[in-house]
Protein backbone atom coordinates (compact mmCIF):
# COMPACT_ATOMS: atom_id res chain seq x y z
CA MET A 1 -4.41 -24.62 -6.70
CA GLN A 2 -4.11 -21.38 -4.74
CA HIS A 3 -7.35 -20.19 -3.14
CA ILE A 4 -7.12 -16.42 -2.88
CA CYS A 5 -8.81 -13.89 -0.62
CA ILE A 6 -8.73 -10.40 -2.15
CA LEU A 7 -9.20 -7.76 0.54
CA GLY A 8 -10.21 -4.54 -1.22
CA SER A 9 -11.18 -6.22 -4.47
CA THR A 10 -12.92 -3.22 -6.07
CA GLY A 11 -9.84 -0.97 -5.93
CA SER A 12 -7.18 -0.84 -8.63
CA ILE A 13 -4.99 -3.52 -6.99
CA GLY A 14 -8.00 -5.79 -6.55
CA GLU A 15 -9.07 -5.35 -10.16
CA ASN A 16 -5.58 -6.10 -11.44
CA THR A 17 -5.35 -9.15 -9.18
CA ILE A 18 -8.57 -10.54 -10.64
CA ASP A 19 -7.22 -9.88 -14.14
CA VAL A 20 -4.12 -11.98 -13.42
CA VAL A 21 -6.04 -14.72 -11.59
CA LEU A 22 -8.45 -15.21 -14.49
CA ARG A 23 -5.49 -15.76 -16.84
CA HIS A 24 -4.51 -18.87 -14.84
CA PRO A 25 -7.65 -20.86 -13.96
CA GLU A 26 -5.59 -24.05 -13.77
CA ARG A 27 -3.68 -22.84 -10.69
CA LEU A 28 -5.43 -19.76 -9.24
CA SER A 29 -8.97 -19.33 -7.93
CA VAL A 30 -10.78 -16.64 -5.94
CA TYR A 31 -12.24 -17.82 -2.66
CA ALA A 32 -13.25 -14.49 -1.11
CA LEU A 33 -13.67 -10.83 -2.06
CA SER A 34 -14.28 -7.75 0.07
CA ALA A 35 -15.47 -4.22 -0.63
CA HIS A 36 -16.53 -1.23 1.41
CA SER A 37 -18.89 0.83 -0.74
CA ARG A 38 -18.78 -0.29 -4.38
CA ILE A 39 -21.30 -3.08 -3.93
CA GLU A 40 -22.47 -3.23 -7.56
CA LYS A 41 -18.88 -3.78 -8.65
CA LEU A 42 -18.44 -6.43 -5.95
CA VAL A 43 -21.45 -8.30 -7.35
CA ALA A 44 -19.95 -8.18 -10.85
CA GLN A 45 -16.62 -9.47 -9.55
CA ALA A 46 -18.25 -12.29 -7.57
CA LEU A 47 -20.12 -13.40 -10.68
CA GLN A 48 -16.96 -13.18 -12.76
CA THR A 49 -14.73 -15.12 -10.35
CA HIS A 50 -17.28 -17.52 -8.80
CA ALA A 51 -16.17 -16.38 -5.35
CA LYS A 52 -17.45 -18.50 -2.47
CA VAL A 53 -17.49 -15.63 0.05
CA VAL A 54 -17.91 -11.86 -0.02
CA VAL A 55 -17.36 -9.51 2.93
CA VAL A 56 -19.24 -6.21 3.25
CA PRO A 57 -19.11 -3.57 6.01
CA ASP A 58 -22.69 -3.59 7.31
CA ASN A 59 -26.20 -4.98 6.88
CA ALA A 60 -27.18 -2.19 4.51
CA ALA A 61 -24.40 -3.29 2.17
CA ARG A 62 -25.49 -6.90 2.60
CA ARG A 63 -29.05 -6.03 1.57
CA ARG A 64 -27.76 -4.06 -1.39
CA PHE A 65 -25.63 -7.01 -2.51
CA ILE A 66 -28.68 -9.29 -2.43
CA GLU A 67 -30.76 -6.72 -4.35
CA VAL A 68 -28.17 -6.38 -7.11
CA TRP A 69 -27.40 -10.09 -7.42
CA PRO A 70 -29.24 -11.53 -10.48
CA ALA A 71 -32.30 -13.49 -9.38
CA LYS A 72 -31.71 -16.18 -12.00
CA THR A 73 -28.37 -17.07 -10.38
CA SER A 74 -29.52 -16.97 -6.74
CA ASN A 75 -28.53 -20.63 -6.36
CA ILE A 76 -24.82 -19.70 -6.74
CA ARG A 77 -24.83 -16.52 -4.66
CA PRO A 78 -21.77 -16.47 -2.38
CA GLU A 79 -21.91 -16.48 1.39
CA ILE A 80 -22.15 -12.87 2.59
CA ARG A 81 -20.15 -12.01 5.70
CA VAL A 82 -20.60 -8.70 7.49
CA GLY A 83 -18.31 -6.40 9.49
CA ALA A 84 -14.69 -5.85 10.46
CA GLN A 85 -14.41 -9.09 12.43
CA ALA A 86 -15.73 -11.04 9.45
CA LEU A 87 -13.00 -9.43 7.35
CA ALA A 88 -10.30 -10.63 9.75
CA ASP A 89 -11.90 -14.07 10.07
CA THR A 90 -12.02 -14.46 6.28
CA ALA A 91 -8.35 -13.50 5.94
CA ALA A 92 -7.56 -16.30 8.41
CA ASP A 93 -10.06 -18.79 6.91
CA SER A 94 -8.65 -22.32 6.62
CA ALA A 95 -9.88 -22.47 3.00
CA VAL A 96 -7.65 -19.53 2.05
CA SER A 97 -4.04 -20.10 1.02
CA THR A 98 -3.14 -16.59 -0.20
CA VAL A 99 -4.34 -13.17 0.95
CA MET A 100 -4.05 -10.06 -1.21
CA ALA A 101 -4.04 -7.29 1.42
CA ALA A 102 -5.13 -4.28 -0.64
CA ILE A 103 -7.45 -2.32 1.66
CA VAL A 104 -6.27 1.29 1.72
CA GLY A 105 -5.56 2.93 5.07
CA ALA A 106 -5.57 1.80 8.68
CA ALA A 107 -8.82 -0.08 8.01
CA GLY A 108 -6.70 -2.79 6.37
CA LEU A 109 -4.56 -3.40 9.45
CA PRO A 110 -6.63 -5.97 11.42
CA SER A 111 -7.27 -8.26 8.45
CA ALA A 112 -3.63 -8.16 7.30
CA LEU A 113 -2.52 -9.00 10.83
CA ALA A 114 -5.07 -11.82 11.03
CA ALA A 115 -3.61 -13.30 7.83
CA ALA A 116 -0.12 -13.12 9.32
CA LYS A 117 -1.22 -14.81 12.54
CA ALA A 118 -2.86 -17.56 10.48
CA GLY A 119 0.42 -18.22 8.64
CA LYS A 120 -0.89 -17.32 5.18
CA ARG A 121 1.00 -16.26 2.09
CA ILE A 122 0.41 -12.50 2.23
CA LEU A 123 0.68 -10.33 -0.86
CA LEU A 124 1.08 -7.00 0.88
CA ALA A 125 -0.27 -3.93 -0.90
CA ASN A 126 -1.46 -2.23 2.30
CA LYS A 127 1.21 0.22 3.43
CA GLU A 128 -0.24 0.75 6.89
CA ALA A 129 0.52 -2.78 8.05
CA LEU A 130 4.21 -1.83 8.09
CA VAL A 131 4.11 1.96 8.44
CA ALA A 132 1.85 2.00 11.49
CA ALA A 133 2.44 -1.49 12.87
CA GLY A 134 5.79 -2.65 11.52
CA SER A 135 7.05 -4.21 14.74
CA VAL A 136 3.76 -5.97 15.53
CA PHE A 137 3.17 -7.15 11.96
CA MET A 138 6.68 -8.47 11.29
CA GLN A 139 6.67 -10.27 14.64
CA ALA A 140 3.41 -11.98 13.68
CA VAL A 141 4.87 -12.98 10.30
CA HIS A 142 7.94 -14.43 11.99
CA ASP A 143 6.13 -16.18 14.86
CA ASN A 144 3.54 -17.85 12.62
CA LYS A 145 5.82 -18.64 9.67
CA ALA A 146 3.70 -16.58 7.27
CA GLU A 147 5.11 -15.86 3.82
CA LEU A 148 5.29 -12.15 3.07
CA LEU A 149 5.62 -10.95 -0.53
CA PRO A 150 5.57 -7.18 -1.19
CA ILE A 151 3.31 -6.00 -4.01
CA ASP A 152 4.17 -2.30 -4.14
CA SER A 153 6.14 -2.06 -7.38
CA GLU A 154 9.19 -0.61 -5.59
CA HIS A 155 9.40 -3.24 -2.85
CA ASN A 156 8.59 -6.02 -5.27
CA ALA A 157 11.49 -4.79 -7.44
CA ILE A 158 13.85 -4.81 -4.45
CA PHE A 159 12.65 -8.28 -3.49
CA GLN A 160 13.44 -9.51 -7.00
CA CYS A 161 16.92 -7.93 -6.90
CA LEU A 162 17.94 -9.21 -3.46
CA PRO A 163 19.90 -12.44 -2.99
CA GLN A 164 17.80 -15.61 -3.01
CA GLU A 165 18.76 -16.57 0.55
CA GLY A 166 15.89 -16.17 2.98
CA LYS A 167 13.19 -15.29 0.44
CA ALA A 168 11.16 -18.46 0.78
CA ASP A 169 10.41 -17.96 4.49
CA GLY A 170 9.97 -14.18 4.32
CA ALA A 171 13.21 -13.42 6.19
CA HIS A 172 14.35 -10.48 4.09
CA GLN A 173 17.62 -9.81 5.91
CA ALA A 174 19.81 -7.28 4.12
CA ALA A 175 23.01 -9.04 5.04
CA HIS A 176 24.38 -10.76 1.95
CA GLY A 177 26.60 -7.98 0.62
CA VAL A 178 23.85 -5.37 0.25
CA ARG A 179 25.03 -1.76 0.61
CA ARG A 180 21.92 0.30 -0.20
CA LEU A 181 18.33 0.09 -1.39
CA LEU A 182 17.46 2.64 -4.09
CA LEU A 183 13.75 3.44 -4.23
CA THR A 184 12.64 5.18 -7.41
CA ALA A 185 9.80 7.71 -7.59
CA SER A 186 8.10 9.23 -10.60
CA GLY A 187 7.87 12.61 -8.89
CA GLY A 188 4.14 12.71 -9.62
CA PRO A 189 2.31 15.34 -11.66
CA PHE A 190 4.01 18.34 -10.00
CA ARG A 191 7.69 17.46 -10.29
CA GLU A 192 8.24 20.50 -12.55
CA THR A 193 5.44 22.78 -11.35
CA PRO A 194 6.69 26.07 -9.85
CA ILE A 195 6.66 25.65 -6.08
CA GLU A 196 4.66 28.85 -5.59
CA ALA A 197 1.89 27.37 -7.76
CA LEU A 198 1.40 24.23 -5.66
CA ALA A 199 -0.92 25.90 -3.16
CA SER A 200 -3.57 26.36 -5.85
CA VAL A 201 -3.60 22.89 -7.46
CA THR A 202 -6.93 21.07 -7.53
CA PRO A 203 -7.79 17.50 -6.50
CA GLU A 204 -8.33 16.66 -10.18
CA GLN A 205 -4.81 17.84 -11.03
CA ALA A 206 -3.31 15.97 -8.09
CA CYS A 207 -5.05 12.74 -9.11
CA ALA A 208 -3.84 12.94 -12.74
CA HIS A 209 -0.74 10.81 -12.35
CA PRO A 210 1.49 10.90 -15.46
CA ASN A 211 2.44 7.20 -15.41
CA TRP A 212 0.27 5.08 -13.11
CA SER A 213 -3.47 4.43 -12.82
CA MET A 214 -4.28 4.53 -9.10
CA GLY A 215 -7.01 5.43 -6.62
CA ARG A 216 -7.51 9.05 -5.59
CA LYS A 217 -5.90 8.84 -2.16
CA ILE A 218 -2.80 7.05 -3.42
CA SER A 219 -2.57 9.47 -6.35
CA VAL A 220 -2.47 12.43 -3.96
CA ASP A 221 0.17 10.64 -1.89
CA SER A 222 2.23 10.31 -5.05
CA ALA A 223 1.77 14.00 -5.83
CA THR A 224 3.08 14.98 -2.38
CA MET A 225 5.63 12.13 -2.43
CA LEU A 226 4.38 11.14 1.00
CA ASN A 227 3.90 7.72 -0.57
CA LYS A 228 7.65 7.47 -1.15
CA GLY A 229 8.28 8.30 2.50
CA LEU A 230 5.87 5.54 3.49
CA GLU A 231 7.72 3.18 1.17
CA VAL A 232 11.04 4.01 2.84
CA ILE A 233 9.45 3.08 6.19
CA GLU A 234 8.09 -0.13 4.65
CA ALA A 235 11.49 -1.00 3.19
CA HIS A 236 13.08 -0.52 6.60
CA TRP A 237 10.79 -3.19 8.08
CA LEU A 238 10.57 -5.52 5.09
CA PHE A 239 14.29 -5.78 4.46
CA ALA A 240 15.75 -5.02 7.91
CA MET A 241 17.62 -2.08 6.41
CA PRO A 242 18.70 0.96 8.46
CA PRO A 243 17.13 4.24 7.26
CA GLU A 244 20.47 5.76 6.27
CA ARG A 245 20.97 2.93 3.74
CA ILE A 246 17.72 3.61 1.87
CA GLN A 247 17.81 6.34 -0.79
CA VAL A 248 15.02 7.88 -2.86
CA LEU A 249 15.66 8.86 -6.50
CA ILE A 250 13.30 10.70 -8.85
CA HIS A 251 12.93 8.66 -12.04
CA PRO A 252 10.30 10.30 -14.28
CA GLN A 253 9.88 7.40 -16.72
CA SER A 254 8.80 4.88 -14.00
CA VAL A 255 10.59 2.09 -15.87
CA VAL A 256 13.24 1.22 -13.27
CA HIS A 257 11.02 0.27 -10.34
CA SER A 258 13.86 0.14 -7.79
CA MET A 259 17.44 -1.05 -7.37
CA VAL A 260 19.74 -2.84 -4.94
CA GLU A 261 23.38 -1.76 -4.62
CA TYR A 262 25.96 -4.28 -3.41
CA HIS A 263 29.27 -3.79 -1.64
CA ASP A 264 31.21 -4.86 -4.73
CA GLY A 265 29.79 -1.92 -6.68
CA SER A 266 27.14 -3.86 -8.57
CA VAL A 267 23.66 -2.35 -8.86
CA LEU A 268 20.80 -4.67 -9.79
CA ALA A 269 17.63 -3.06 -11.14
CA GLN A 270 14.19 -4.40 -12.00
CA LEU A 271 12.66 -2.77 -15.08
CA GLY A 272 9.23 -3.05 -16.60
CA GLN A 273 6.13 -1.26 -17.82
CA PRO A 274 4.35 0.84 -15.16
CA ASP A 275 1.66 -1.82 -14.72
CA MET A 276 0.76 -3.31 -11.34
CA ARG A 277 -0.02 -6.68 -12.90
CA THR A 278 3.74 -7.37 -13.03
CA PRO A 279 4.34 -7.39 -9.25
CA ILE A 280 0.93 -9.01 -8.65
CA ALA A 281 1.74 -11.87 -11.01
CA TYR A 282 5.17 -12.23 -9.39
CA GLY A 283 3.56 -12.55 -5.96
CA LEU A 284 0.87 -14.98 -7.12
CA GLY A 285 3.33 -17.20 -8.95
CA TYR A 286 6.39 -16.98 -6.70
CA PRO A 287 8.90 -18.58 -7.04
CA GLU A 288 7.72 -19.15 -10.62
CA ARG A 289 6.86 -16.33 -13.02
CA LEU A 290 3.35 -16.15 -14.46
CA GLN A 291 2.13 -14.49 -17.64
CA SER A 292 0.65 -11.19 -16.44
CA GLY A 293 -0.84 -9.61 -19.55
CA VAL A 294 1.74 -6.80 -19.46
CA GLY A 295 3.26 -5.83 -22.81
CA MET A 296 6.93 -5.86 -23.76
CA LEU A 297 9.24 -3.05 -22.70
CA ASP A 298 10.75 -1.30 -25.72
CA LEU A 299 13.93 0.29 -24.38
CA ALA A 300 15.00 1.50 -27.82
CA ALA A 301 11.77 3.45 -28.17
CA LEU A 302 12.16 4.82 -24.66
CA GLY A 303 15.61 6.11 -25.48
CA ARG A 304 16.71 7.40 -22.07
CA LEU A 305 16.34 6.90 -18.32
CA ASP A 306 16.71 9.91 -16.00
CA PHE A 307 17.46 10.03 -12.28
CA TYR A 308 17.87 12.90 -9.84
CA MET A 309 17.57 13.65 -6.15
CA PRO A 310 14.21 14.85 -4.76
CA ASP A 311 13.84 18.50 -3.76
CA MET A 312 12.66 18.54 -0.13
CA GLN A 313 11.33 22.09 -0.52
CA ARG A 314 9.03 20.88 -3.28
CA PHE A 315 8.16 17.68 -1.40
CA PRO A 316 7.98 18.55 2.34
CA CYS A 317 5.84 15.47 3.02
CA LEU A 318 8.76 13.24 2.00
CA LYS A 319 11.00 15.02 4.50
CA LEU A 320 8.36 14.62 7.23
CA ALA A 321 8.19 10.88 6.52
CA LEU A 322 11.96 10.42 6.67
CA ASP A 323 12.07 12.38 9.94
CA ALA A 324 9.25 10.21 11.34
CA LEU A 325 11.20 7.03 10.61
CA GLU A 326 14.17 8.44 12.49
CA ALA A 327 11.91 9.48 15.41
CA GLY A 328 10.41 6.01 15.86
CA GLN A 329 7.28 3.92 15.46
CA HIS A 330 4.96 6.37 17.25
CA ALA A 331 5.87 9.10 14.78
CA CYS A 332 5.23 6.76 11.84
CA ILE A 333 1.75 5.99 13.18
CA ALA A 334 1.03 9.71 13.57
CA LEU A 335 2.40 10.45 10.09
CA ASN A 336 0.13 7.90 8.45
CA ALA A 337 -2.97 8.86 10.44
CA ALA A 338 -2.52 12.58 9.88
CA ASN A 339 -1.94 12.07 6.17
CA GLU A 340 -5.21 10.16 5.79
CA ILE A 341 -7.10 13.02 7.46
CA ALA A 342 -5.28 15.71 5.47
CA VAL A 343 -5.70 14.01 2.09
CA ALA A 344 -9.40 13.41 2.71
CA ALA A 345 -9.83 17.11 3.57
CA PHE A 346 -7.97 18.12 0.41
CA LEU A 347 -10.02 15.80 -1.81
CA GLU A 348 -13.20 17.27 -0.30
CA GLY A 349 -12.00 20.77 -1.15
CA LYS A 350 -11.69 21.83 2.49
CA VAL A 351 -7.96 22.61 2.53
CA ALA A 352 -5.31 23.51 -0.03
CA PHE A 353 -2.79 21.04 -1.41
CA SER A 354 0.01 22.80 0.48
CA ALA A 355 -1.92 22.35 3.75
CA ILE A 356 -1.40 18.59 3.68
CA ALA A 357 2.20 18.94 4.90
CA GLN A 358 1.15 21.55 7.48
CA ILE A 359 -1.48 19.25 8.97
CA ILE A 360 0.93 16.32 9.16
CA GLU A 361 3.62 18.45 10.81
CA ILE A 362 1.21 19.79 13.45
CA ALA A 363 -0.03 16.27 14.25
CA LEU A 364 3.54 14.97 14.50
CA ASN A 365 4.50 17.76 16.89
CA LYS A 366 1.48 17.16 19.11
CA SER A 367 1.55 13.36 19.13
CA GLN A 368 3.69 11.73 21.78
CA PRO A 369 3.91 7.98 22.50
CA LEU A 370 1.33 6.72 24.95
CA GLY A 371 3.00 5.70 28.20
CA GLY A 372 6.36 6.96 26.96
CA GLY A 373 7.07 3.81 24.94
CA ASP A 374 8.28 3.65 21.36
CA LEU A 375 7.36 0.28 19.86
CA PRO A 376 3.65 -0.61 20.31
CA ASP A 377 3.28 -4.24 21.36
CA SER A 378 -0.24 -4.90 20.05
CA LEU A 379 -2.74 -3.88 17.41
CA ASP A 380 -4.83 -2.20 20.11
CA ALA A 381 -1.85 -0.01 21.07
CA VAL A 382 -1.30 0.93 17.42
CA LEU A 383 -4.97 1.82 16.90
CA ALA A 384 -5.14 3.82 20.15
CA PHE A 385 -2.23 6.00 19.08
CA ASP A 386 -3.61 6.20 15.55
CA SER A 387 -6.87 7.56 16.99
CA LEU A 388 -5.01 10.18 19.05
CA ALA A 389 -3.04 11.36 16.01
CA ARG A 390 -6.24 11.60 13.94
CA ARG A 391 -7.80 13.90 16.53
CA HIS A 392 -4.75 16.15 16.38
CA ALA A 393 -4.90 16.17 12.57
CA GLU A 394 -8.61 16.97 12.56
CA GLN A 395 -8.00 19.88 14.94
CA ALA A 396 -5.25 21.13 12.64
CA CYS A 397 -7.64 20.89 9.68
CA GLN A 398 -10.27 22.90 11.51
CA HIS A 399 -7.73 25.56 12.45
CA ILE A 400 -6.43 25.88 8.88
CA MET A 401 -9.98 26.04 7.48
CA ALA A 402 -10.96 28.73 9.99
CA THR A 403 -7.84 30.76 9.21
CA ALA A 404 -8.52 30.54 5.45
CA ARG A 405 -12.04 31.98 5.76
């Protein structure tokens, strides 16, 4: 029986994880859940899964949880833990065997790292653990013999297509005849929109992804294709692959989730419906395959699969991400931090869609590694540089807003 801690349970990844877990009560159970603001939903999930522990951000959320919890079931109310340290402690809890790391943003870093240091099986859906802290996180995985399984559909596809050697202990070395990793991208809702029209798109349009159901922040990242740049950075760390051997391809149908090309000319691809339950079930069941609830893929009905190179003029955020990977870890931290600030400002209607790339570029130009180093050697060093980059991004936002008035 796997006892699972779902960090970020009320988001789309968390919801899909619970869906898969409940299909396999004989081998999967939820030990802990966490949420930041959707406390009513957290209560419903705790009742549904019989979670032993829930983690909330503050005492106000704790009081709200108790208020919403049905009085007639007060005898089975889970233990309520409060705060960021409680989140990290729960991820490392001895009762937990598997951690689904699905908290969006840098807020998910400490708990994901705590799970790695505790030697857990980590189902990684938090990009920031690798984008902002790749060197620190992968070192913790290696030193503590944690098992790292990627849940992003693209990295999960690559993981499935790589040779079997080294998978069981998380050592994803791209040695065994691998030539390139091919990351596919849907292109988002604006892949055919005239470039001159992008400045006027609304948050609602940016969040209307044509293929996937995702949260608002991730949907905007898909629309800018910044998410694909983050995934290239992740792939670099996950699979020990040099940046020049990772290629991005636009694939509008989102059926081929990614591919691995070998030196003999073979290309292995993982195909499936655009449904996150597939990679989640793969991670929960690995090395076995579990029934996920995802329907069959009808290739005959689909008829065709298209691929083409991304246009960097249309997707400047992708170019910024690839440049950041070449520049080093400090630039990747700044990229991620600035993007969070810029996307939040866009979703709040403060800046235009086209300003997201501008804000990131300004923050990248202003952010230099603290102490002149490149690879941060601790979580504190990562968070300190992340904070510096956020200040630069916030200043850029203010400047752009003032100029637009």
